[in-house]
Amino acid sequence: MSGFVDLHAHWVPAVDDGVKSDAEALELLRGLAQLGYTRCVATPHIRTAMFENRRPGLEDAHA
């Protein structure tokens, strides 16, 4: 089976409660591919007082 889409992935390193490194991100993405996922969408949490992520900072850090 293939064609799955993950719409809330935590594969961007060092953002909120996701993976901590590039190596960990690649491991997670490879695992998803083995399960049949063909697309993943990075959707970091943006919640005041919980995760201080803001779009400009995320874009600068991961461009």
C-alpha atoms as a PDB file:
ATOM      1  CA  MET A   1       0.000   0.000   0.000  1.00  0.00           C
ATOM      2  CA  SER A   2       1.297   3.482  -0.767  1.00  0.00           C
ATOM      3  CA  GLY A   3       0.214   7.066  -1.224  1.00  0.00           C
ATOM      4  CA  PHE A   4      -0.232   8.017   2.432  1.00  0.00           C
ATOM      5  CA  VAL A   5       0.232  11.665   3.444  1.00  0.00           C
ATOM      6  CA  ASP A   6       1.365  12.773   6.922  1.00  0.00           C
ATOM      7  CA  LEU A   7      -0.148  16.205   7.619  1.00  0.00           C
ATOM      8  CA  HIS A   8       1.401  16.741  11.030  1.00  0.00           C
ATOM      9  CA  ALA A   9       4.977  15.531  10.908  1.00  0.00           C
ATOM     10  CA  HIS A  10       7.685  16.296  13.445  1.00  0.00           C
ATOM     11  CA  TRP A  11      10.623  15.812  11.109  1.00  0.00           C
ATOM     12  CA  VAL A  12      12.065  19.349  11.066  1.00  0.00           C
ATOM     13  CA  PRO A  13      15.039  19.304  13.476  1.00  0.00           C
ATOM     14  CA  ALA A  14      15.039  21.454  16.619  1.00  0.00           C
ATOM     15  CA  VAL A  15      11.460  22.721  16.270  1.00  0.00           C
ATOM     16  CA  ASP A  16       9.004  22.284  19.160  1.00  0.00           C
ATOM     17  CA  ASP A  17       8.625  18.626  20.206  1.00  0.00           C
ATOM     18  CA  GLY A  18       9.989  17.060  17.020  1.00  0.00           C
ATOM     19  CA  VAL A  19      13.284  15.417  16.141  1.00  0.00           C
ATOM     20  CA  LYS A  20      16.511  16.882  17.509  1.00  0.00           C
ATOM     21  CA  SER A  21      18.917  16.314  14.592  1.00  0.00           C
ATOM     22  CA  ASP A  22      19.152  15.930  10.823  1.00  0.00           C
ATOM     23  CA  ALA A  23      20.072  12.261  11.288  1.00  0.00           C
ATOM     24  CA  GLU A  24      16.975  11.646  13.398  1.00  0.00           C
ATOM     25  CA  ALA A  25      14.832  13.434  10.788  1.00  0.00           C
ATOM     26  CA  LEU A  26      16.188  11.245   7.982  1.00  0.00           C
ATOM     27  CA  GLU A  27      15.551   8.121  10.044  1.00  0.00           C
ATOM     28  CA  LEU A  28      11.936   9.183  10.645  1.00  0.00           C
ATOM     29  CA  LEU A  29      11.352  10.065   6.974  1.00  0.00           C
ATOM     30  CA  ARG A  30      12.884   6.801   5.764  1.00  0.00           C
ATOM     31  CA  GLY A  31      10.632   4.894   8.154  1.00  0.00           C
ATOM     32  CA  LEU A  32       7.565   6.704   6.838  1.00  0.00           C
ATOM     33  CA  ALA A  33       8.623   5.929   3.248  1.00  0.00           C
ATOM     34  CA  GLN A  34       8.956   2.238   4.117  1.00  0.00           C
ATOM     35  CA  LEU A  35       5.391   2.334   5.449  1.00  0.00           C
ATOM     36  CA  GLY A  36       4.118   3.761   2.162  1.00  0.00           C
ATOM     37  CA  TYR A  37       4.040   7.490   2.874  1.00  0.00           C
ATOM     38  CA  THR A  38       4.741   9.554  -0.238  1.00  0.00           C
ATOM     39  CA  ARG A  39       4.313  13.064   1.191  1.00  0.00           C
ATOM     40  CA  CYS A  40       4.995  14.732   4.528  1.00  0.00           C
ATOM     41  CA  VAL A  41       4.025  18.248   5.532  1.00  0.00           C
ATOM     42  CA  ALA A  42       5.944  20.105   8.228  1.00  0.00           C
ATOM     43  CA  THR A  43       3.423  21.722  10.561  1.00  0.00           C
ATOM     44  CA  PRO A  44       5.215  23.091  13.629  1.00  0.00           C
ATOM     45  CA  HIS A  45       3.190  24.064  16.660  1.00  0.00           C
ATOM     46  CA  ILE A  46       2.641  27.789  17.125  1.00  0.00           C
ATOM     47  CA  ARG A  47       1.215  28.218  20.623  1.00  0.00           C
ATOM     48  CA  THR A  48       2.125  31.107  22.869  1.00  0.00           C
ATOM     49  CA  ALA A  49       3.695  30.009  26.167  1.00  0.00           C
ATOM     50  CA  MET A  50       4.024  26.419  24.932  1.00  0.00           C
ATOM     51  CA  PHE A  51       6.017  26.665  21.704  1.00  0.00           C
ATOM     52  CA  GLU A  52       7.431  30.063  20.785  1.00  0.00           C
ATOM     53  CA  ASN A  53       7.650  29.319  17.076  1.00  0.00           C
ATOM     54  CA  ARG A  54       6.962  32.175  14.697  1.00  0.00           C
ATOM     55  CA  ARG A  55       6.954  32.012  10.912  1.00  0.00           C
ATOM     56  CA  PRO A  56       9.882  34.426  10.282  1.00  0.00           C
ATOM     57  CA  GLY A  57      12.131  32.578  12.725  1.00  0.00           C
ATOM     58  CA  LEU A  58      11.202  29.179  11.309  1.00  0.00           C
ATOM     59  CA  GLU A  59      11.854  30.373   7.767  1.00  0.00           C
ATOM     60  CA  ASP A  60      15.247  31.833   8.718  1.00  0.00           C
ATOM     61  CA  ALA A  61      16.328  28.745  10.646  1.00  0.00           C
ATOM     62  CA  HIS A  62      15.301  26.192   8.039  1.00  0.00           C
ATOM     63  CA  ALA A  63      15.570  27.937   4.668  1.00  0.00           C
END
